[in-house]
Amino acid sequence: MSKKKKVNIVYSTNPNYNYSFDDEKVETLSPDNQQLKVLIDRKQRKGKSVTLVTGFIGNDDDLKDLAKTLKSKCGVGGSAKGSEILIQGEFKDKVFDLLINLGFKQSKKVGG
């Protein structure tokens, strides 16, 4: 279920005005075509490490499903926003292996 947001509309004096919502649904690419990048990030997190998975192209429901799978396999918390999955802790190798096993063959490790 997508939430509809009114953006930059304050008030209209036209009684016949109907606001149209932009319902652009992004189609999720197949796992073979996704180019995900897995990296460790410590910036703006008070020195705590997180594993980031970036580059997901698709709708929010599929992103959240993938995040839920990765979080449960790693046994930690995290979140999914935009096109990023954030997993608490340093699990770069484990997440990369899980993505390969799930069919994301074009995934890459970034950084040392």
N, C-alpha and C. Protein backbone atom coordinates (compact mmCIF):
# COMPACT_ATOMS: atom_id res chain seq x y z
N MET A 1 0.83 -1.16 0.00
CA MET A 1 0.00 0.00 0.00
C MET A 1 0.88 1.24 0.00
N SER A 2 0.75 2.06 -1.00
CA SER A 2 1.59 3.24 -1.08
C SER A 2 0.86 4.44 -0.48
N LYS A 3 1.62 5.27 0.19
CA LYS A 3 1.06 6.48 0.76
C LYS A 3 1.15 7.58 -0.28
N LYS A 4 0.06 8.31 -0.45
CA LYS A 4 0.05 9.39 -1.41
C LYS A 4 0.37 10.69 -0.69
N LYS A 5 1.33 11.42 -1.22
CA LYS A 5 1.77 12.66 -0.60
C LYS A 5 1.45 13.83 -1.51
N LYS A 6 0.93 14.88 -0.92
CA LYS A 6 0.75 16.12 -1.65
C LYS A 6 2.00 16.94 -1.45
N VAL A 7 2.64 17.29 -2.53
CA VAL A 7 3.90 17.99 -2.46
C VAL A 7 3.72 19.39 -3.03
N ASN A 8 4.12 20.39 -2.26
CA ASN A 8 4.14 21.79 -2.69
C ASN A 8 2.76 22.34 -3.07
N ILE A 9 1.69 21.82 -2.51
CA ILE A 9 0.37 22.38 -2.72
C ILE A 9 -0.07 23.00 -1.40
N VAL A 10 -0.32 24.28 -1.42
CA VAL A 10 -0.72 24.96 -0.21
C VAL A 10 -2.24 25.14 -0.21
N TYR A 11 -2.77 25.81 -1.24
CA TYR A 11 -4.19 26.08 -1.29
C TYR A 11 -4.55 26.48 -2.71
N SER A 12 -5.71 26.06 -3.16
CA SER A 12 -6.19 26.45 -4.47
C SER A 12 -7.56 27.08 -4.33
N THR A 13 -7.77 28.22 -4.96
CA THR A 13 -9.07 28.89 -4.90
C THR A 13 -10.01 28.41 -5.98
N ASN A 14 -9.52 27.61 -6.90
CA ASN A 14 -10.34 27.08 -7.97
C ASN A 14 -11.20 25.93 -7.42
N PRO A 15 -12.54 26.06 -7.44
CA PRO A 15 -13.37 24.99 -6.88
C PRO A 15 -13.37 23.72 -7.74
N ASN A 16 -12.97 23.83 -8.98
CA ASN A 16 -12.96 22.66 -9.86
C ASN A 16 -11.59 21.99 -9.95
N TYR A 17 -10.65 22.47 -9.15
CA TYR A 17 -9.29 21.94 -9.20
C TYR A 17 -9.22 20.57 -8.53
N ASN A 18 -8.67 19.61 -9.22
CA ASN A 18 -8.44 18.28 -8.67
C ASN A 18 -6.95 18.00 -8.71
N TYR A 19 -6.40 17.72 -7.54
CA TYR A 19 -4.97 17.43 -7.47
C TYR A 19 -4.73 16.03 -7.99
N SER A 20 -3.77 15.88 -8.89
CA SER A 20 -3.44 14.55 -9.40
C SER A 20 -2.17 14.05 -8.71
N PHE A 21 -2.21 12.82 -8.30
CA PHE A 21 -1.07 12.20 -7.63
C PHE A 21 -0.16 11.57 -8.66
N ASP A 22 1.13 11.65 -8.41
CA ASP A 22 2.09 10.99 -9.28
C ASP A 22 2.26 9.56 -8.79
N ASP A 23 1.64 8.64 -9.48
CA ASP A 23 1.71 7.23 -9.09
C ASP A 23 2.69 6.50 -10.00
N GLU A 24 3.93 6.93 -9.97
CA GLU A 24 4.96 6.27 -10.75
C GLU A 24 5.49 5.09 -9.95
N LYS A 25 5.13 3.90 -10.36
CA LYS A 25 5.61 2.71 -9.67
C LYS A 25 6.87 2.23 -10.36
N VAL A 26 7.89 2.02 -9.57
CA VAL A 26 9.15 1.53 -10.10
C VAL A 26 9.08 0.02 -10.14
N GLU A 27 9.37 -0.54 -11.29
CA GLU A 27 9.35 -1.99 -11.44
C GLU A 27 10.68 -2.54 -10.94
N THR A 28 10.62 -3.57 -10.14
CA THR A 28 11.82 -4.16 -9.57
C THR A 28 12.53 -4.99 -10.62
N LEU A 29 13.82 -4.73 -10.76
CA LEU A 29 14.62 -5.52 -11.68
C LEU A 29 14.82 -6.93 -11.12
N SER A 30 15.05 -7.87 -12.00
CA SER A 30 15.31 -9.24 -11.54
C SER A 30 16.65 -9.28 -10.81
N PRO A 31 16.85 -10.24 -9.92
CA PRO A 31 18.12 -10.32 -9.18
C PRO A 31 19.34 -10.42 -10.09
N ASP A 32 19.19 -11.00 -11.27
CA ASP A 32 20.33 -11.11 -12.19
C ASP A 32 20.79 -9.75 -12.69
N ASN A 33 19.87 -8.80 -12.78
CA ASN A 33 20.20 -7.48 -13.34
C ASN A 33 20.54 -6.43 -12.29
N GLN A 34 20.36 -6.74 -11.02
CA GLN A 34 20.67 -5.79 -9.95
C GLN A 34 22.18 -5.71 -9.75
N GLN A 35 22.69 -4.50 -9.63
CA GLN A 35 24.11 -4.30 -9.37
C GLN A 35 24.25 -3.70 -7.97
N LEU A 36 24.24 -4.57 -6.97
CA LEU A 36 24.30 -4.13 -5.58
C LEU A 36 25.74 -4.01 -5.13
N LYS A 37 26.00 -3.04 -4.27
CA LYS A 37 27.33 -2.84 -3.70
C LYS A 37 27.23 -3.01 -2.19
N VAL A 38 28.14 -3.79 -1.63
CA VAL A 38 28.15 -4.06 -0.20
C VAL A 38 29.40 -3.40 0.38
N LEU A 39 29.22 -2.57 1.43
CA LEU A 39 30.35 -1.87 2.01
C LEU A 39 30.12 -1.65 3.51
N ILE A 40 31.21 -1.37 4.22
CA ILE A 40 31.17 -1.04 5.63
C ILE A 40 31.23 0.48 5.76
N ASP A 41 30.36 1.04 6.60
CA ASP A 41 30.31 2.49 6.78
C ASP A 41 30.39 2.82 8.26
N ARG A 42 31.19 3.83 8.60
CA ARG A 42 31.31 4.29 9.98
C ARG A 42 31.04 5.79 10.09
N LYS A 43 30.78 6.45 8.99
CA LYS A 43 30.61 7.89 8.99
C LYS A 43 29.30 8.30 9.65
N GLN A 44 29.36 9.31 10.48
CA GLN A 44 28.22 9.90 11.17
C GLN A 44 27.47 8.87 12.02
N ARG A 45 28.20 7.87 12.55
CA ARG A 45 27.57 6.86 13.37
C ARG A 45 28.31 6.67 14.70
N LYS A 46 29.06 7.69 15.10
CA LYS A 46 29.80 7.69 16.36
C LYS A 46 30.75 6.49 16.47
N GLY A 47 31.38 6.12 15.37
CA GLY A 47 32.36 5.05 15.37
C GLY A 47 31.79 3.66 15.25
N LYS A 48 30.47 3.51 15.24
CA LYS A 48 29.86 2.19 15.13
C LYS A 48 29.80 1.79 13.66
N SER A 49 30.07 0.53 13.40
CA SER A 49 30.10 0.04 12.03
C SER A 49 28.74 -0.48 11.60
N VAL A 50 28.39 -0.21 10.35
CA VAL A 50 27.20 -0.77 9.74
C VAL A 50 27.57 -1.30 8.36
N THR A 51 26.83 -2.27 7.90
CA THR A 51 26.99 -2.80 6.56
C THR A 51 25.92 -2.18 5.68
N LEU A 52 26.34 -1.55 4.59
CA LEU A 52 25.40 -0.92 3.67
C LEU A 52 25.32 -1.74 2.39
N VAL A 53 24.10 -1.92 1.91
CA VAL A 53 23.86 -2.51 0.60
C VAL A 53 23.18 -1.43 -0.22
N THR A 54 23.86 -0.96 -1.26
CA THR A 54 23.34 0.15 -2.06
C THR A 54 23.10 -0.29 -3.49
N GLY A 55 22.32 0.51 -4.22
CA GLY A 55 22.11 0.28 -5.64
C GLY A 55 20.88 -0.53 -5.98
N PHE A 56 19.98 -0.76 -5.03
CA PHE A 56 18.78 -1.55 -5.32
C PHE A 56 17.84 -0.73 -6.18
N ILE A 57 17.34 -1.33 -7.24
CA ILE A 57 16.39 -0.68 -8.13
C ILE A 57 15.08 -1.46 -8.05
N GLY A 58 14.06 -0.81 -7.51
CA GLY A 58 12.77 -1.48 -7.40
C GLY A 58 11.87 -0.77 -6.40
N ASN A 59 10.74 -1.40 -6.11
CA ASN A 59 9.79 -0.76 -5.20
C ASN A 59 10.18 -1.03 -3.75
N ASP A 60 9.57 -0.27 -2.85
CA ASP A 60 9.93 -0.32 -1.44
C ASP A 60 9.60 -1.66 -0.79
N ASP A 61 8.53 -2.31 -1.24
CA ASP A 61 8.16 -3.59 -0.64
C ASP A 61 9.22 -4.66 -0.89
N ASP A 62 9.75 -4.70 -2.12
CA ASP A 62 10.80 -5.68 -2.42
C ASP A 62 12.08 -5.37 -1.68
N LEU A 63 12.39 -4.07 -1.53
CA LEU A 63 13.56 -3.66 -0.77
C LEU A 63 13.43 -4.08 0.69
N LYS A 64 12.26 -3.88 1.28
CA LYS A 64 12.05 -4.26 2.67
C LYS A 64 12.08 -5.77 2.86
N ASP A 65 11.59 -6.52 1.87
CA ASP A 65 11.65 -7.99 1.95
C ASP A 65 13.09 -8.48 1.93
N LEU A 66 13.91 -7.89 1.05
CA LEU A 66 15.32 -8.27 0.98
C LEU A 66 16.03 -7.89 2.28
N ALA A 67 15.73 -6.71 2.81
CA ALA A 67 16.34 -6.27 4.07
C ALA A 67 15.96 -7.21 5.21
N LYS A 68 14.71 -7.62 5.25
CA LYS A 68 14.25 -8.53 6.30
C LYS A 68 14.98 -9.86 6.21
N THR A 69 15.16 -10.36 5.01
CA THR A 69 15.88 -11.62 4.82
C THR A 69 17.32 -11.51 5.30
N LEU A 70 18.00 -10.43 4.89
CA LEU A 70 19.40 -10.25 5.28
C LEU A 70 19.54 -10.06 6.78
N LYS A 71 18.66 -9.28 7.39
CA LYS A 71 18.72 -9.05 8.83
C LYS A 71 18.49 -10.33 9.61
N SER A 72 17.55 -11.14 9.17
CA SER A 72 17.26 -12.38 9.90
C SER A 72 18.39 -13.38 9.75
N LYS A 73 19.02 -13.44 8.59
CA LYS A 73 20.15 -14.36 8.38
C LYS A 73 21.38 -13.94 9.19
N CYS A 74 21.55 -12.63 9.37
CA CYS A 74 22.68 -12.13 10.15
C CYS A 74 22.35 -12.07 11.64
N GLY A 75 21.09 -12.10 11.99
CA GLY A 75 20.69 -12.06 13.38
C GLY A 75 20.86 -10.70 14.04
N VAL A 76 20.70 -9.64 13.26
CA VAL A 76 20.87 -8.28 13.78
C VAL A 76 19.73 -7.40 13.28
N GLY A 77 19.72 -6.15 13.71
CA GLY A 77 18.73 -5.18 13.28
C GLY A 77 19.23 -4.39 12.09
N GLY A 78 18.39 -3.50 11.63
CA GLY A 78 18.76 -2.65 10.52
C GLY A 78 17.55 -1.93 9.98
N SER A 79 17.70 -1.32 8.80
CA SER A 79 16.58 -0.60 8.18
C SER A 79 16.77 -0.58 6.67
N ALA A 80 15.72 -0.14 5.99
CA ALA A 80 15.75 -0.02 4.53
C ALA A 80 15.07 1.28 4.15
N LYS A 81 15.81 2.16 3.46
CA LYS A 81 15.27 3.44 3.00
C LYS A 81 15.82 3.74 1.62
N GLY A 82 14.99 4.35 0.81
CA GLY A 82 15.45 4.74 -0.52
C GLY A 82 15.88 3.53 -1.31
N SER A 83 17.12 3.45 -1.65
CA SER A 83 17.65 2.28 -2.35
C SER A 83 18.78 1.65 -1.53
N GLU A 84 18.77 1.87 -0.20
CA GLU A 84 19.83 1.36 0.67
C GLU A 84 19.26 0.45 1.75
N ILE A 85 20.04 -0.56 2.06
CA ILE A 85 19.74 -1.43 3.20
C ILE A 85 20.87 -1.24 4.19
N LEU A 86 20.52 -0.95 5.44
CA LEU A 86 21.50 -0.74 6.49
C LEU A 86 21.38 -1.90 7.48
N ILE A 87 22.48 -2.61 7.72
CA ILE A 87 22.51 -3.72 8.65
C ILE A 87 23.53 -3.41 9.73
N GLN A 88 23.12 -3.52 10.98
CA GLN A 88 23.99 -3.15 12.09
C GLN A 88 25.12 -4.17 12.24
N GLY A 89 26.35 -3.65 12.30
CA GLY A 89 27.52 -4.51 12.49
C GLY A 89 28.29 -4.73 11.20
N GLU A 90 29.43 -5.39 11.33
CA GLU A 90 30.29 -5.66 10.17
C GLU A 90 30.00 -7.06 9.65
N PHE A 91 29.18 -7.13 8.63
CA PHE A 91 28.79 -8.40 8.03
C PHE A 91 28.97 -8.38 6.52
N LYS A 92 30.01 -7.68 6.04
CA LYS A 92 30.17 -7.52 4.60
C LYS A 92 30.31 -8.85 3.88
N ASP A 93 31.15 -9.74 4.38
CA ASP A 93 31.36 -11.02 3.70
C ASP A 93 30.11 -11.89 3.75
N LYS A 94 29.46 -11.92 4.90
CA LYS A 94 28.26 -12.75 5.05
C LYS A 94 27.12 -12.24 4.17
N VAL A 95 26.92 -10.92 4.14
CA VAL A 95 25.86 -10.33 3.32
C VAL A 95 26.16 -10.56 1.84
N PHE A 96 27.41 -10.42 1.44
CA PHE A 96 27.79 -10.66 0.05
C PHE A 96 27.48 -12.10 -0.35
N ASP A 97 27.84 -13.06 0.51
CA ASP A 97 27.57 -14.47 0.21
C ASP A 97 26.06 -14.74 0.15
N LEU A 98 25.30 -14.12 1.04
CA LEU A 98 23.85 -14.29 1.02
C LEU A 98 23.23 -13.73 -0.26
N LEU A 99 23.72 -12.57 -0.70
CA LEU A 99 23.21 -11.97 -1.94
C LEU A 99 23.51 -12.86 -3.14
N ILE A 100 24.70 -13.42 -3.19
CA ILE A 100 25.06 -14.32 -4.29
C ILE A 100 24.14 -15.54 -4.28
N ASN A 101 23.88 -16.09 -3.09
CA ASN A 101 23.01 -17.26 -2.98
C ASN A 101 21.56 -16.94 -3.33
N LEU A 102 21.14 -15.69 -3.12
CA LEU A 102 19.78 -15.28 -3.47
C LEU A 102 19.62 -14.95 -4.95
N GLY A 103 20.71 -14.98 -5.71
CA GLY A 103 20.63 -14.75 -7.15
C GLY A 103 21.13 -13.40 -7.61
N PHE A 104 21.64 -12.58 -6.72
CA PHE A 104 22.18 -11.27 -7.10
C PHE A 104 23.65 -11.47 -7.53
N LYS A 105 23.83 -11.99 -8.74
CA LYS A 105 25.17 -12.40 -9.21
C LYS A 105 26.08 -11.24 -9.52
N GLN A 106 25.55 -10.05 -9.74
CA GLN A 106 26.39 -8.90 -10.09
C GLN A 106 26.75 -8.06 -8.87
N SER A 107 26.56 -8.59 -7.68
CA SER A 107 26.91 -7.86 -6.46
C SER A 107 28.41 -7.71 -6.35
N LYS A 108 28.84 -6.61 -5.72
CA LYS A 108 30.27 -6.34 -5.56
C LYS A 108 30.56 -5.90 -4.14
N LYS A 109 31.74 -6.24 -3.65
CA LYS A 109 32.23 -5.70 -2.39
C LYS A 109 32.98 -4.42 -2.68
N VAL A 110 32.76 -3.41 -1.88
CA VAL A 110 33.42 -2.12 -2.04
C VAL A 110 34.25 -1.84 -0.81
N GLY A 111 35.46 -1.37 -1.01
CA GLY A 111 36.33 -1.05 0.13
C GLY A 111 37.16 -2.24 0.54
N GLY A 112 37.99 -2.04 1.57
CA GLY A 112 38.93 -3.04 2.03
C GLY A 112 38.30 -4.16 2.69
